[in-house]
Amino acid sequence: MNMEFRISSLYICVKDMERAINFYERLLNKTVTEHDDIYSVFNINGFRFGLFANEKVNERHIYGDNCLPSFDVDNIKLVQERLLSLNCTIVFPLTKIKNNWILEFADSEGNHIELTSPVK
């Protein structure tokens, strides 16, 4: 028997859906594709990036850094400028690791998000 795993989506927990949607629309320069008070979704090149307001359905969640969503970007310096304009806290500064630039920031809800970009 052959089992093949694929990942086509992930979600992060948010405390304030409207604030989170506003933040990610500005960061990603995309409009949310599914808007809901409990679960909203961005389509990023076929990948579903969800925002889940877990407290609205009484689901307990412990915030931390045990799962780190990572976005690949073409121009990390340009995205870094956008993060600064959004007043994001940079939790891991722009660092070259092997053939990639890595940066980690805290979003509007306190989630840590990683950005990577190939060294050119």
PDB file of N, CA and C in Angstrom:
ATOM      1  N   MET A   1       0.844  -1.184   0.000  1.00  0.00           N
ATOM      2  CA  MET A   1       0.000   0.000   0.000  1.00  0.00           C
ATOM      3  C   MET A   1       0.883   1.240   0.000  1.00  0.00           C
ATOM      4  N   ASN A   2       0.592   2.166  -0.874  1.00  0.00           N
ATOM      5  CA  ASN A   2       1.365   3.393  -0.987  1.00  0.00           C
ATOM      6  C   ASN A   2       0.530   4.557  -0.452  1.00  0.00           C
ATOM      7  N   MET A   3       1.062   5.261   0.529  1.00  0.00           N
ATOM      8  CA  MET A   3       0.378   6.438   1.060  1.00  0.00           C
ATOM      9  C   MET A   3       1.132   7.682   0.640  1.00  0.00           C
ATOM     10  N   GLU A   4       0.408   8.625   0.089  1.00  0.00           N
ATOM     11  CA  GLU A   4       1.013   9.881  -0.326  1.00  0.00           C
ATOM     12  C   GLU A   4       0.360  11.017   0.456  1.00  0.00           C
ATOM     13  N   PHE A   5       1.179  11.825   1.105  1.00  0.00           N
ATOM     14  CA  PHE A   5       0.680  12.962   1.871  1.00  0.00           C
ATOM     15  C   PHE A   5       0.908  14.237   1.092  1.00  0.00           C
ATOM     16  N   ARG A   6      -0.058  15.123   1.147  1.00  0.00           N
ATOM     17  CA  ARG A   6       0.063  16.449   0.551  1.00  0.00           C
ATOM     18  C   ARG A   6      -0.442  17.445   1.585  1.00  0.00           C
ATOM     19  N   ILE A   7       0.065  18.651   1.521  1.00  0.00           N
ATOM     20  CA  ILE A   7      -0.469  19.713   2.366  1.00  0.00           C
ATOM     21  C   ILE A   7      -0.968  20.816   1.448  1.00  0.00           C
ATOM     22  N   SER A   8      -2.230  21.177   1.641  1.00  0.00           N
ATOM     23  CA  SER A   8      -2.820  22.193   0.775  1.00  0.00           C
ATOM     24  C   SER A   8      -3.397  23.357   1.569  1.00  0.00           C
ATOM     25  N   SER A   9      -3.283  23.271   2.905  1.00  0.00           N
ATOM     26  CA  SER A   9      -3.791  24.368   3.710  1.00  0.00           C
ATOM     27  C   SER A   9      -3.201  24.318   5.111  1.00  0.00           C
ATOM     28  N   LEU A  10      -3.324  25.440   5.787  1.00  0.00           N
ATOM     29  CA  LEU A  10      -3.030  25.520   7.215  1.00  0.00           C
ATOM     30  C   LEU A  10      -3.783  26.707   7.746  1.00  0.00           C
ATOM     31  N   TYR A  11      -4.021  26.704   9.042  1.00  0.00           N
ATOM     32  CA  TYR A  11      -4.656  27.867   9.636  1.00  0.00           C
ATOM     33  C   TYR A  11      -3.909  28.266  10.883  1.00  0.00           C
ATOM     34  N   ILE A  12      -4.077  29.529  11.232  1.00  0.00           N
ATOM     35  CA  ILE A  12      -3.538  30.056  12.474  1.00  0.00           C
ATOM     36  C   ILE A  12      -4.712  30.588  13.291  1.00  0.00           C
ATOM     37  N   CYS A  13      -4.584  30.548  14.593  1.00  0.00           N
ATOM     38  CA  CYS A  13      -5.625  31.068  15.472  1.00  0.00           C
ATOM     39  C   CYS A  13      -5.473  32.577  15.605  1.00  0.00           C
ATOM     40  N   VAL A  14      -6.609  33.256  15.630  1.00  0.00           N
ATOM     41  CA  VAL A  14      -6.606  34.711  15.760  1.00  0.00           C
ATOM     42  C   VAL A  14      -7.588  35.122  16.852  1.00  0.00           C
ATOM     43  N   LYS A  15      -7.287  36.228  17.487  1.00  0.00           N
ATOM     44  CA  LYS A  15      -8.162  36.748  18.543  1.00  0.00           C
ATOM     45  C   LYS A  15      -9.185  37.729  17.986  1.00  0.00           C
ATOM     46  N   ASP A  16      -8.833  38.472  16.954  1.00  0.00           N
ATOM     47  CA  ASP A  16      -9.710  39.484  16.374  1.00  0.00           C
ATOM     48  C   ASP A  16      -9.701  39.279  14.856  1.00  0.00           C
ATOM     49  N   MET A  17     -10.774  38.683  14.328  1.00  0.00           N
ATOM     50  CA  MET A  17     -10.826  38.316  12.904  1.00  0.00           C
ATOM     51  C   MET A  17     -10.658  39.524  11.995  1.00  0.00           C
ATOM     52  N   GLU A  18     -11.358  40.611  12.269  1.00  0.00           N
ATOM     53  CA  GLU A  18     -11.261  41.783  11.384  1.00  0.00           C
ATOM     54  C   GLU A  18      -9.855  42.372  11.382  1.00  0.00           C
ATOM     55  N   ARG A  19      -9.247  42.432  12.552  1.00  0.00           N
ATOM     56  CA  ARG A  19      -7.874  42.946  12.638  1.00  0.00           C
ATOM     57  C   ARG A  19      -6.929  42.033  11.865  1.00  0.00           C
ATOM     58  N   ALA A  20      -7.104  40.718  12.015  1.00  0.00           N
ATOM     59  CA  ALA A  20      -6.236  39.758  11.322  1.00  0.00           C
ATOM     60  C   ALA A  20      -6.435  39.827   9.810  1.00  0.00           C
ATOM     61  N   ILE A  21      -7.681  39.902   9.368  1.00  0.00           N
ATOM     62  CA  ILE A  21      -7.946  40.010   7.925  1.00  0.00           C
ATOM     63  C   ILE A  21      -7.307  41.286   7.379  1.00  0.00           C
ATOM     64  N   ASN A  22      -7.496  42.389   8.062  1.00  0.00           N
ATOM     65  CA  ASN A  22      -6.910  43.653   7.628  1.00  0.00           C
ATOM     66  C   ASN A  22      -5.393  43.542   7.522  1.00  0.00           C
ATOM     67  N   PHE A  23      -4.775  42.936   8.533  1.00  0.00           N
ATOM     68  CA  PHE A  23      -3.320  42.778   8.534  1.00  0.00           C
ATOM     69  C   PHE A  23      -2.865  41.951   7.331  1.00  0.00           C
ATOM     70  N   TYR A  24      -3.473  40.788   7.125  1.00  0.00           N
ATOM     71  CA  TYR A  24      -3.017  39.902   6.050  1.00  0.00           C
ATOM     72  C   TYR A  24      -3.393  40.422   4.664  1.00  0.00           C
ATOM     73  N   GLU A  25      -4.498  41.138   4.540  1.00  0.00           N
ATOM     74  CA  GLU A  25      -4.789  41.751   3.244  1.00  0.00           C
ATOM     75  C   GLU A  25      -3.717  42.771   2.889  1.00  0.00           C
ATOM     76  N   ARG A  26      -3.278  43.527   3.870  1.00  0.00           N
ATOM     77  CA  ARG A  26      -2.235  44.533   3.624  1.00  0.00           C
ATOM     78  C   ARG A  26      -0.878  43.869   3.390  1.00  0.00           C
ATOM     79  N   LEU A  27      -0.563  42.839   4.167  1.00  0.00           N
ATOM     80  CA  LEU A  27       0.718  42.158   4.001  1.00  0.00           C
ATOM     81  C   LEU A  27       0.793  41.423   2.666  1.00  0.00           C
ATOM     82  N   LEU A  28      -0.212  40.620   2.371  1.00  0.00           N
ATOM     83  CA  LEU A  28      -0.193  39.774   1.175  1.00  0.00           C
ATOM     84  C   LEU A  28      -0.611  40.504  -0.094  1.00  0.00           C
ATOM     85  N   ASN A  29      -1.177  41.711   0.082  1.00  0.00           N
ATOM     86  CA  ASN A  29      -1.712  42.457  -1.051  1.00  0.00           C
ATOM     87  C   ASN A  29      -2.756  41.626  -1.798  1.00  0.00           C
ATOM     88  N   LYS A  30      -3.589  40.926  -1.008  1.00  0.00           N
ATOM     89  CA  LYS A  30      -4.666  40.087  -1.538  1.00  0.00           C
ATOM     90  C   LYS A  30      -5.901  40.308  -0.689  1.00  0.00           C
ATOM     91  N   THR A  31      -7.055  40.125  -1.299  1.00  0.00           N
ATOM     92  CA  THR A  31      -8.311  40.196  -0.574  1.00  0.00           C
ATOM     93  C   THR A  31      -8.656  38.801  -0.068  1.00  0.00           C
ATOM     94  N   VAL A  32      -9.190  38.744   1.141  1.00  0.00           N
ATOM     95  CA  VAL A  32      -9.618  37.469   1.695  1.00  0.00           C
ATOM     96  C   VAL A  32     -10.643  36.850   0.735  1.00  0.00           C
ATOM     97  N   THR A  33     -10.531  35.536   0.461  1.00  0.00           N
ATOM     98  CA  THR A  33     -11.427  34.886  -0.495  1.00  0.00           C
ATOM     99  C   THR A  33     -12.666  34.305   0.167  1.00  0.00           C
ATOM    100  N   GLU A  34     -12.575  33.962   1.439  1.00  0.00           N
ATOM    101  CA  GLU A  34     -13.727  33.497   2.207  1.00  0.00           C
ATOM    102  C   GLU A  34     -13.715  34.264   3.520  1.00  0.00           C
ATOM    103  N   HIS A  35     -14.744  35.066   3.742  1.00  0.00           N
ATOM    104  CA  HIS A  35     -14.800  35.918   4.934  1.00  0.00           C
ATOM    105  C   HIS A  35     -15.882  35.400   5.864  1.00  0.00           C
ATOM    106  N   ASP A  36     -15.498  35.125   7.115  1.00  0.00           N
ATOM    107  CA  ASP A  36     -16.437  34.622   8.103  1.00  0.00           C
ATOM    108  C   ASP A  36     -15.949  35.056   9.478  1.00  0.00           C
ATOM    109  N   ASP A  37     -16.866  35.188  10.434  1.00  0.00           N
ATOM    110  CA  ASP A  37     -16.476  35.591  11.785  1.00  0.00           C
ATOM    111  C   ASP A  37     -15.637  34.532  12.492  1.00  0.00           C
ATOM    112  N   ILE A  38     -15.776  33.266  12.080  1.00  0.00           N
ATOM    113  CA  ILE A  38     -15.059  32.180  12.750  1.00  0.00           C
ATOM    114  C   ILE A  38     -13.881  31.677  11.931  1.00  0.00           C
ATOM    115  N   TYR A  39     -14.058  31.508  10.612  1.00  0.00           N
ATOM    116  CA  TYR A  39     -12.989  30.963   9.775  1.00  0.00           C
ATOM    117  C   TYR A  39     -12.957  31.693   8.442  1.00  0.00           C
ATOM    118  N   SER A  40     -11.878  32.382   8.178  1.00  0.00           N
ATOM    119  CA  SER A  40     -11.687  33.099   6.918  1.00  0.00           C
ATOM    120  C   SER A  40     -10.471  32.525   6.203  1.00  0.00           C
ATOM    121  N   VAL A  41     -10.448  32.653   4.873  1.00  0.00           N
ATOM    122  CA  VAL A  41      -9.409  31.994   4.081  1.00  0.00           C
ATOM    123  C   VAL A  41      -8.844  32.941   3.028  1.00  0.00           C
ATOM    124  N   PHE A  42      -7.529  32.880   2.868  1.00  0.00           N
ATOM    125  CA  PHE A  42      -6.838  33.506   1.751  1.00  0.00           C
ATOM    126  C   PHE A  42      -6.385  32.393   0.815  1.00  0.00           C
ATOM    127  N   ASN A  43      -6.526  32.601  -0.487  1.00  0.00           N
ATOM    128  CA  ASN A  43      -6.001  31.664  -1.467  1.00  0.00           C
ATOM    129  C   ASN A  43      -4.665  32.221  -1.934  1.00  0.00           C
ATOM    130  N   ILE A  44      -3.602  31.503  -1.627  1.00  0.00           N
ATOM    131  CA  ILE A  44      -2.259  31.932  -2.013  1.00  0.00           C
ATOM    132  C   ILE A  44      -1.728  30.907  -3.014  1.00  0.00           C
ATOM    133  N   ASN A  45      -1.936  31.198  -4.278  1.00  0.00           N
ATOM    134  CA  ASN A  45      -1.499  30.309  -5.361  1.00  0.00           C
ATOM    135  C   ASN A  45      -2.005  28.885  -5.164  1.00  0.00           C
ATOM    136  N   GLY A  46      -3.278  28.751  -4.810  1.00  0.00           N
ATOM    137  CA  GLY A  46      -3.885  27.439  -4.628  1.00  0.00           C
ATOM    138  C   GLY A  46      -3.766  26.876  -3.221  1.00  0.00           C
ATOM    139  N   PHE A  47      -2.982  27.497  -2.371  1.00  0.00           N
ATOM    140  CA  PHE A  47      -2.822  27.068  -0.978  1.00  0.00           C
ATOM    141  C   PHE A  47      -3.799  27.853  -0.120  1.00  0.00           C
ATOM    142  N   ARG A  48      -4.539  27.159   0.741  1.00  0.00           N
ATOM    143  CA  ARG A  48      -5.521  27.810   1.607  1.00  0.00           C
ATOM    144  C   ARG A  48      -4.867  28.182   2.933  1.00  0.00           C
ATOM    145  N   PHE A  49      -4.767  29.496   3.183  1.00  0.00           N
ATOM    146  CA  PHE A  49      -4.224  30.017   4.431  1.00  0.00           C
ATOM    147  C   PHE A  49      -5.398  30.541   5.242  1.00  0.00           C
ATOM    148  N   GLY A  50      -5.727  29.831   6.337  1.00  0.00           N
ATOM    149  CA  GLY A  50      -6.914  30.148   7.101  1.00  0.00           C
ATOM    150  C   GLY A  50      -6.631  30.919   8.381  1.00  0.00           C
ATOM    151  N   LEU A  51      -7.627  31.701   8.775  1.00  0.00           N
ATOM    152  CA  LEU A  51      -7.618  32.427  10.041  1.00  0.00           C
ATOM    153  C   LEU A  51      -8.789  31.886  10.847  1.00  0.00           C
ATOM    154  N   PHE A  52      -8.518  31.358  12.039  1.00  0.00           N
ATOM    155  CA  PHE A  52      -9.533  30.692  12.846  1.00  0.00           C
ATOM    156  C   PHE A  52      -9.714  31.423  14.169  1.00  0.00           C
ATOM    157  N   ALA A  53     -10.907  31.939  14.401  1.00  0.00           N
ATOM    158  CA  ALA A  53     -11.229  32.623  15.663  1.00  0.00           C
ATOM    159  C   ALA A  53     -11.700  31.566  16.659  1.00  0.00           C
ATOM    160  N   ASN A  54     -10.750  30.835  17.209  1.00  0.00           N
ATOM    161  CA  ASN A  54     -11.048  29.677  18.058  1.00  0.00           C
ATOM    162  C   ASN A  54     -11.868  30.013  19.295  1.00  0.00           C
ATOM    163  N   GLU A  55     -11.697  31.197  19.853  1.00  0.00           N
ATOM    164  CA  GLU A  55     -12.420  31.559  21.077  1.00  0.00           C
ATOM    165  C   GLU A  55     -13.925  31.674  20.828  1.00  0.00           C
ATOM    166  N   LYS A  56     -14.320  31.968  19.598  1.00  0.00           N
ATOM    167  CA  LYS A  56     -15.751  32.105  19.279  1.00  0.00           C
ATOM    168  C   LYS A  56     -16.470  30.762  19.345  1.00  0.00           C
ATOM    169  N   VAL A  57     -15.735  29.670  19.276  1.00  0.00           N
ATOM    170  CA  VAL A  57     -16.350  28.345  19.397  1.00  0.00           C
ATOM    171  C   VAL A  57     -15.845  27.632  20.657  1.00  0.00           C
ATOM    172  N   ASN A  58     -15.315  28.428  21.577  1.00  0.00           N
ATOM    173  CA  ASN A  58     -14.838  27.927  22.878  1.00  0.00           C
ATOM    174  C   ASN A  58     -13.770  26.845  22.754  1.00  0.00           C
ATOM    175  N   GLU A  59     -12.923  26.952  21.740  1.00  0.00           N
ATOM    176  CA  GLU A  59     -11.803  26.031  21.622  1.00  0.00           C
ATOM    177  C   GLU A  59     -10.594  26.683  22.270  1.00  0.00           C
ATOM    178  N   ARG A  60     -10.030  25.998  23.245  1.00  0.00           N
ATOM    179  CA  ARG A  60      -8.854  26.519  23.940  1.00  0.00           C
ATOM    180  C   ARG A  60      -7.631  26.353  23.052  1.00  0.00           C
ATOM    181  N   HIS A  61      -6.792  27.334  23.070  1.00  0.00           N
ATOM    182  CA  HIS A  61      -5.552  27.280  22.293  1.00  0.00           C
ATOM    183  C   HIS A  61      -4.454  27.936  23.110  1.00  0.00           C
ATOM    184  N   ILE A  62      -3.316  27.295  23.146  1.00  0.00           N
ATOM    185  CA  ILE A  62      -2.154  27.868  23.815  1.00  0.00           C
ATOM    186  C   ILE A  62      -1.267  28.457  22.730  1.00  0.00           C
ATOM    187  N   TYR A  63      -1.070  29.764  22.795  1.00  0.00           N
ATOM    188  CA  TYR A  63      -0.253  30.426  21.779  1.00  0.00           C
ATOM    189  C   TYR A  63       1.217  30.177  22.066  1.00  0.00           C
ATOM    190  N   GLY A  64       1.966  30.002  21.035  1.00  0.00           N
ATOM    191  CA  GLY A  64       3.384  29.745  21.201  1.00  0.00           C
ATOM    192  C   GLY A  64       4.061  29.624  19.858  1.00  0.00           C
ATOM    193  N   ASP A  65       5.217  29.025  19.855  1.00  0.00           N
ATOM    194  CA  ASP A  65       5.980  28.918  18.620  1.00  0.00           C
ATOM    195  C   ASP A  65       6.204  27.468  18.208  1.00  0.00           C
ATOM    196  N   ASN A  66       5.212  26.602  18.487  1.00  0.00           N
ATOM    197  CA  ASN A  66       5.382  25.198  18.146  1.00  0.00           C
ATOM    198  C   ASN A  66       5.055  24.904  16.688  1.00  0.00           C
ATOM    199  N   CYS A  67       4.432  25.810  15.981  1.00  0.00           N
ATOM    200  CA  CYS A  67       4.169  25.659  14.553  1.00  0.00           C
ATOM    201  C   CYS A  67       4.503  26.990  13.900  1.00  0.00           C
ATOM    202  N   LEU A  68       5.329  26.964  12.906  1.00  0.00           N
ATOM    203  CA  LEU A  68       5.789  28.208  12.301  1.00  0.00           C
ATOM    204  C   LEU A  68       5.463  28.217  10.806  1.00  0.00           C
ATOM    205  N   PRO A  69       4.364  28.875  10.410  1.00  0.00           N
ATOM    206  CA  PRO A  69       4.091  28.997   8.977  1.00  0.00           C
ATOM    207  C   PRO A  69       5.233  29.762   8.310  1.00  0.00           C
ATOM    208  N   SER A  70       5.584  29.328   7.117  1.00  0.00           N
ATOM    209  CA  SER A  70       6.697  29.931   6.405  1.00  0.00           C
ATOM    210  C   SER A  70       6.261  30.280   4.986  1.00  0.00           C
ATOM    211  N   PHE A  71       6.432  31.539   4.619  1.00  0.00           N
ATOM    212  CA  PHE A  71       6.105  32.011   3.279  1.00  0.00           C
ATOM    213  C   PHE A  71       7.394  32.203   2.495  1.00  0.00           C
ATOM    214  N   ASP A  72       7.421  31.717   1.250  1.00  0.00           N
ATOM    215  CA  ASP A  72       8.505  32.020   0.323  1.00  0.00           C
ATOM    216  C   ASP A  72       8.145  33.310  -0.392  1.00  0.00           C
ATOM    217  N   VAL A  73       9.094  34.219  -0.494  1.00  0.00           N
ATOM    218  CA  VAL A  73       8.863  35.488  -1.183  1.00  0.00           C
ATOM    219  C   VAL A  73       9.994  35.739  -2.171  1.00  0.00           C
ATOM    220  N   ASP A  74       9.682  36.513  -3.206  1.00  0.00           N
ATOM    221  CA  ASP A  74      10.696  36.832  -4.213  1.00  0.00           C
ATOM    222  C   ASP A  74      11.685  37.875  -3.731  1.00  0.00           C
ATOM    223  N   ASN A  75      11.169  38.891  -3.022  1.00  0.00           N
ATOM    224  CA  ASN A  75      12.008  40.007  -2.612  1.00  0.00           C
ATOM    225  C   ASN A  75      11.804  40.269  -1.121  1.00  0.00           C
ATOM    226  N   ILE A  76      12.620  39.656  -0.304  1.00  0.00           N
ATOM    227  CA  ILE A  76      12.435  39.743   1.145  1.00  0.00           C
ATOM    228  C   ILE A  76      12.657  41.163   1.664  1.00  0.00           C
ATOM    229  N   LYS A  77      13.504  41.924   1.014  1.00  0.00           N
ATOM    230  CA  LYS A  77      13.750  43.308   1.463  1.00  0.00           C
ATOM    231  C   LYS A  77      12.491  44.161   1.281  1.00  0.00           C
ATOM    232  N   LEU A  78      11.777  43.949   0.177  1.00  0.00           N
ATOM    233  CA  LEU A  78      10.530  44.667  -0.067  1.00  0.00           C
ATOM    234  C   LEU A  78       9.476  44.281   0.973  1.00  0.00           C
ATOM    235  N   VAL A  79       9.381  42.998   1.282  1.00  0.00           N
ATOM    236  CA  VAL A  79       8.421  42.542   2.290  1.00  0.00           C
ATOM    237  C   VAL A  79       8.819  43.068   3.665  1.00  0.00           C
ATOM    238  N   GLN A  80      10.110  43.131   3.937  1.00  0.00           N
ATOM    239  CA  GLN A  80      10.582  43.676   5.208  1.00  0.00           C
ATOM    240  C   GLN A  80      10.130  45.134   5.363  1.00  0.00           C
ATOM    241  N   GLU A  81      10.180  45.906   4.288  1.00  0.00           N
ATOM    242  CA  GLU A  81       9.701  47.293   4.323  1.00  0.00           C
ATOM    243  C   GLU A  81       8.206  47.341   4.634  1.00  0.00           C
ATOM    244  N   ARG A  82       7.443  46.417   4.027  1.00  0.00           N
ATOM    245  CA  ARG A  82       6.007  46.378   4.299  1.00  0.00           C
ATOM    246  C   ARG A  82       5.755  46.028   5.761  1.00  0.00           C
ATOM    247  N   LEU A  83       6.518  45.088   6.311  1.00  0.00           N
ATOM    248  CA  LEU A  83       6.362  44.708   7.719  1.00  0.00           C
ATOM    249  C   LEU A  83       6.614  45.912   8.621  1.00  0.00           C
ATOM    250  N   LEU A  84       7.626  46.696   8.298  1.00  0.00           N
ATOM    251  CA  LEU A  84       7.920  47.897   9.088  1.00  0.00           C
ATOM    252  C   LEU A  84       6.767  48.899   9.001  1.00  0.00           C
ATOM    253  N   SER A  85       6.174  49.037   7.805  1.00  0.00           N
ATOM    254  CA  SER A  85       5.046  49.968   7.662  1.00  0.00           C
ATOM    255  C   SER A  85       3.811  49.471   8.413  1.00  0.00           C
ATOM    256  N   LEU A  86       3.730  48.154   8.663  1.00  0.00           N
ATOM    257  CA  LEU A  86       2.627  47.577   9.432  1.00  0.00           C
ATOM    258  C   LEU A  86       2.944  47.516  10.928  1.00  0.00           C
ATOM    259  N   ASN A  87       4.093  48.077  11.322  1.00  0.00           N
ATOM    260  CA  ASN A  87       4.533  48.104  12.723  1.00  0.00           C
ATOM    261  C   ASN A  87       4.689  46.715  13.326  1.00  0.00           C
ATOM    262  N   CYS A  88       5.165  45.778  12.531  1.00  0.00           N
ATOM    263  CA  CYS A  88       5.386  44.409  13.009  1.00  0.00           C
ATOM    264  C   CYS A  88       6.650  44.339  13.845  1.00  0.00           C
ATOM    265  N   THR A  89       6.609  43.477  14.820  1.00  0.00           N
ATOM    266  CA  THR A  89       7.804  43.186  15.600  1.00  0.00           C
ATOM    267  C   THR A  89       8.590  42.109  14.868  1.00  0.00           C
ATOM    268  N   ILE A  90       9.842  42.376  14.602  1.00  0.00           N
ATOM    269  CA  ILE A  90      10.719  41.371  13.986  1.00  0.00           C
ATOM    270  C   ILE A  90      11.285  40.534  15.130  1.00  0.00           C
ATOM    271  N   VAL A  91      10.958  39.236  15.145  1.00  0.00           N
ATOM    272  CA  VAL A  91      11.394  38.386  16.252  1.00  0.00           C
ATOM    273  C   VAL A  91      12.656  37.598  15.911  1.00  0.00           C
ATOM    274  N   PHE A  92      12.990  37.507  14.637  1.00  0.00           N
ATOM    275  CA  PHE A  92      14.259  36.926  14.193  1.00  0.00           C
ATOM    276  C   PHE A  92      14.705  37.778  13.019  1.00  0.00           C
ATOM    277  N   PRO A  93      15.796  38.534  13.183  1.00  0.00           N
ATOM    278  CA  PRO A  93      16.193  39.498  12.150  1.00  0.00           C
ATOM    279  C   PRO A  93      16.634  38.814  10.860  1.00  0.00           C
ATOM    280  N   LEU A  94      16.580  39.577   9.793  1.00  0.00           N
ATOM    281  CA  LEU A  94      16.998  39.089   8.483  1.00  0.00           C
ATOM    282  C   LEU A  94      18.397  38.483   8.594  1.00  0.00           C
ATOM    283  N   THR A  95      18.482  37.202   8.281  1.00  0.00           N
ATOM    284  CA  THR A  95      19.728  36.450   8.451  1.00  0.00           C
ATOM    285  C   THR A  95      19.921  35.535   7.249  1.00  0.00           C
ATOM    286  N   LYS A  96      21.149  35.452   6.765  1.00  0.00           N
ATOM    287  CA  LYS A  96      21.463  34.526   5.675  1.00  0.00           C
ATOM    288  C   LYS A  96      21.789  33.170   6.290  1.00  0.00           C
ATOM    289  N   ILE A  97      21.045  32.156   5.883  1.00  0.00           N
ATOM    290  CA  ILE A  97      21.305  30.783   6.317  1.00  0.00           C
ATOM    291  C   ILE A  97      21.430  29.937   5.056  1.00  0.00           C
ATOM    292  N   LYS A  98      22.630  29.458   4.827  1.00  0.00           N
ATOM    293  CA  LYS A  98      22.963  28.729   3.597  1.00  0.00           C
ATOM    294  C   LYS A  98      22.590  29.568   2.384  1.00  0.00           C
ATOM    295  N   ASN A  99      21.659  29.089   1.556  1.00  0.00           N
ATOM    296  CA  ASN A  99      21.305  29.799   0.320  1.00  0.00           C
ATOM    297  C   ASN A  99      20.017  30.602   0.434  1.00  0.00           C
ATOM    298  N   ASN A 100      19.602  30.883   1.672  1.00  0.00           N
ATOM    299  CA  ASN A 100      18.346  31.608   1.868  1.00  0.00           C
ATOM    300  C   ASN A 100      18.499  32.757   2.847  1.00  0.00           C
ATOM    301  N   TRP A 101      17.677  33.782   2.624  1.00  0.00           N
ATOM    302  CA  TRP A 101      17.478  34.836   3.608  1.00  0.00           C
ATOM    303  C   TRP A 101      16.275  34.415   4.439  1.00  0.00           C
ATOM    304  N   ILE A 102      16.368  34.557   5.752  1.00  0.00           N
ATOM    305  CA  ILE A 102      15.306  34.168   6.675  1.00  0.00           C
ATOM    306  C   ILE A 102      14.958  35.379   7.539  1.00  0.00           C
ATOM    307  N   LEU A 103      13.665  35.550   7.807  1.00  0.00           N
ATOM    308  CA  LEU A 103      13.170  36.610   8.664  1.00  0.00           C
ATOM    309  C   LEU A 103      11.925  36.074   9.356  1.00  0.00           C
ATOM    310  N   GLU A 104      11.766  36.393  10.624  1.00  0.00           N
ATOM    311  CA  GLU A 104      10.574  35.974  11.356  1.00  0.00           C
ATOM    312  C   GLU A 104       9.960  37.200  12.027  1.00  0.00           C
ATOM    313  N   PHE A 105       8.631  37.309  11.931  1.00  0.00           N
ATOM    314  CA  PHE A 105       7.930  38.450  12.515  1.00  0.00           C
ATOM    315  C   PHE A 105       6.701  37.976  13.283  1.00  0.00           C
ATOM    316  N   ALA A 106       6.194  38.860  14.134  1.00  0.00           N
ATOM    317  CA  ALA A 106       4.943  38.608  14.848  1.00  0.00           C
ATOM    318  C   ALA A 106       3.831  39.346  14.119  1.00  0.00           C
ATOM    319  N   ASP A 107       2.740  38.626  13.818  1.00  0.00           N
ATOM    320  CA  ASP A 107       1.616  39.255  13.124  1.00  0.00           C
ATOM    321  C   ASP A 107       0.745  40.046  14.099  1.00  0.00           C
ATOM    322  N   SER A 108      -0.366  40.540  13.636  1.00  0.00           N
ATOM    323  CA  SER A 108      -1.243  41.377  14.466  1.00  0.00           C
ATOM    324  C   SER A 108      -1.844  40.620  15.644  1.00  0.00           C
ATOM    325  N   GLU A 109      -1.827  39.291  15.594  1.00  0.00           N
ATOM    326  CA  GLU A 109      -2.416  38.468  16.652  1.00  0.00           C
ATOM    327  C   GLU A 109      -1.374  37.839  17.564  1.00  0.00           C
ATOM    328  N   GLY A 110      -0.089  38.106  17.284  1.00  0.00           N
ATOM    329  CA  GLY A 110       0.985  37.552  18.102  1.00  0.00           C
ATOM    330  C   GLY A 110       1.574  36.261  17.566  1.00  0.00           C
ATOM    331  N   ASN A 111       1.054  35.762  16.429  1.00  0.00           N
ATOM    332  CA  ASN A 111       1.613  34.559  15.817  1.00  0.00           C
ATOM    333  C   ASN A 111       2.951  34.888  15.173  1.00  0.00           C
ATOM    334  N   HIS A 112       3.889  33.969  15.264  1.00  0.00           N
ATOM    335  CA  HIS A 112       5.174  34.135  14.591  1.00  0.00           C
ATOM    336  C   HIS A 112       5.082  33.527  13.204  1.00  0.00           C
ATOM    337  N   ILE A 113       5.532  34.283  12.204  1.00  0.00           N
ATOM    338  CA  ILE A 113       5.489  33.875  10.806  1.00  0.00           C
ATOM    339  C   ILE A 113       6.899  34.031  10.234  1.00  0.00           C
ATOM    340  N   GLU A 114       7.335  33.044   9.472  1.00  0.00           N
ATOM    341  CA  GLU A 114       8.667  33.091   8.852  1.00  0.00           C
ATOM    342  C   GLU A 114       8.542  33.468   7.374  1.00  0.00           C
ATOM    343  N   LEU A 115       9.530  34.216   6.901  1.00  0.00           N
ATOM    344  CA  LEU A 115       9.662  34.525   5.492  1.00  0.00           C
ATOM    345  C   LEU A 115      11.012  33.996   5.028  1.00  0.00           C
ATOM    346  N   THR A 116      11.031  33.403   3.833  1.00  0.00           N
ATOM    347  CA  THR A 116      12.297  32.954   3.269  1.00  0.00           C
ATOM    348  C   THR A 116      12.387  33.447   1.827  1.00  0.00           C
ATOM    349  N   SER A 117      13.613  33.680   1.388  1.00  0.00           N
ATOM    350  CA  SER A 117      13.857  34.130   0.032  1.00  0.00           C
ATOM    351  C   SER A 117      15.237  33.641  -0.371  1.00  0.00           C
ATOM    352  N   PRO A 118      15.374  33.113  -1.588  1.00  0.00           N
ATOM    353  CA  PRO A 118      16.686  32.649  -2.010  1.00  0.00           C
ATOM    354  C   PRO A 118      17.688  33.794  -2.124  1.00  0.00           C
ATOM    355  N   VAL A 119      18.922  33.520  -1.775  1.00  0.00           N
ATOM    356  CA  VAL A 119      19.999  34.491  -1.956  1.00  0.00           C
ATOM    357  C   VAL A 119      20.260  34.606  -3.439  1.00  0.00           C
ATOM    358  N   LYS A 120      20.320  35.840  -3.926  1.00  0.00           N
ATOM    359  CA  LYS A 120      20.551  36.036  -5.363  1.00  0.00           C
ATOM    360  C   LYS A 120      21.910  36.602  -5.607  1.00  0.00           C
TER     361      LYS A 120
END
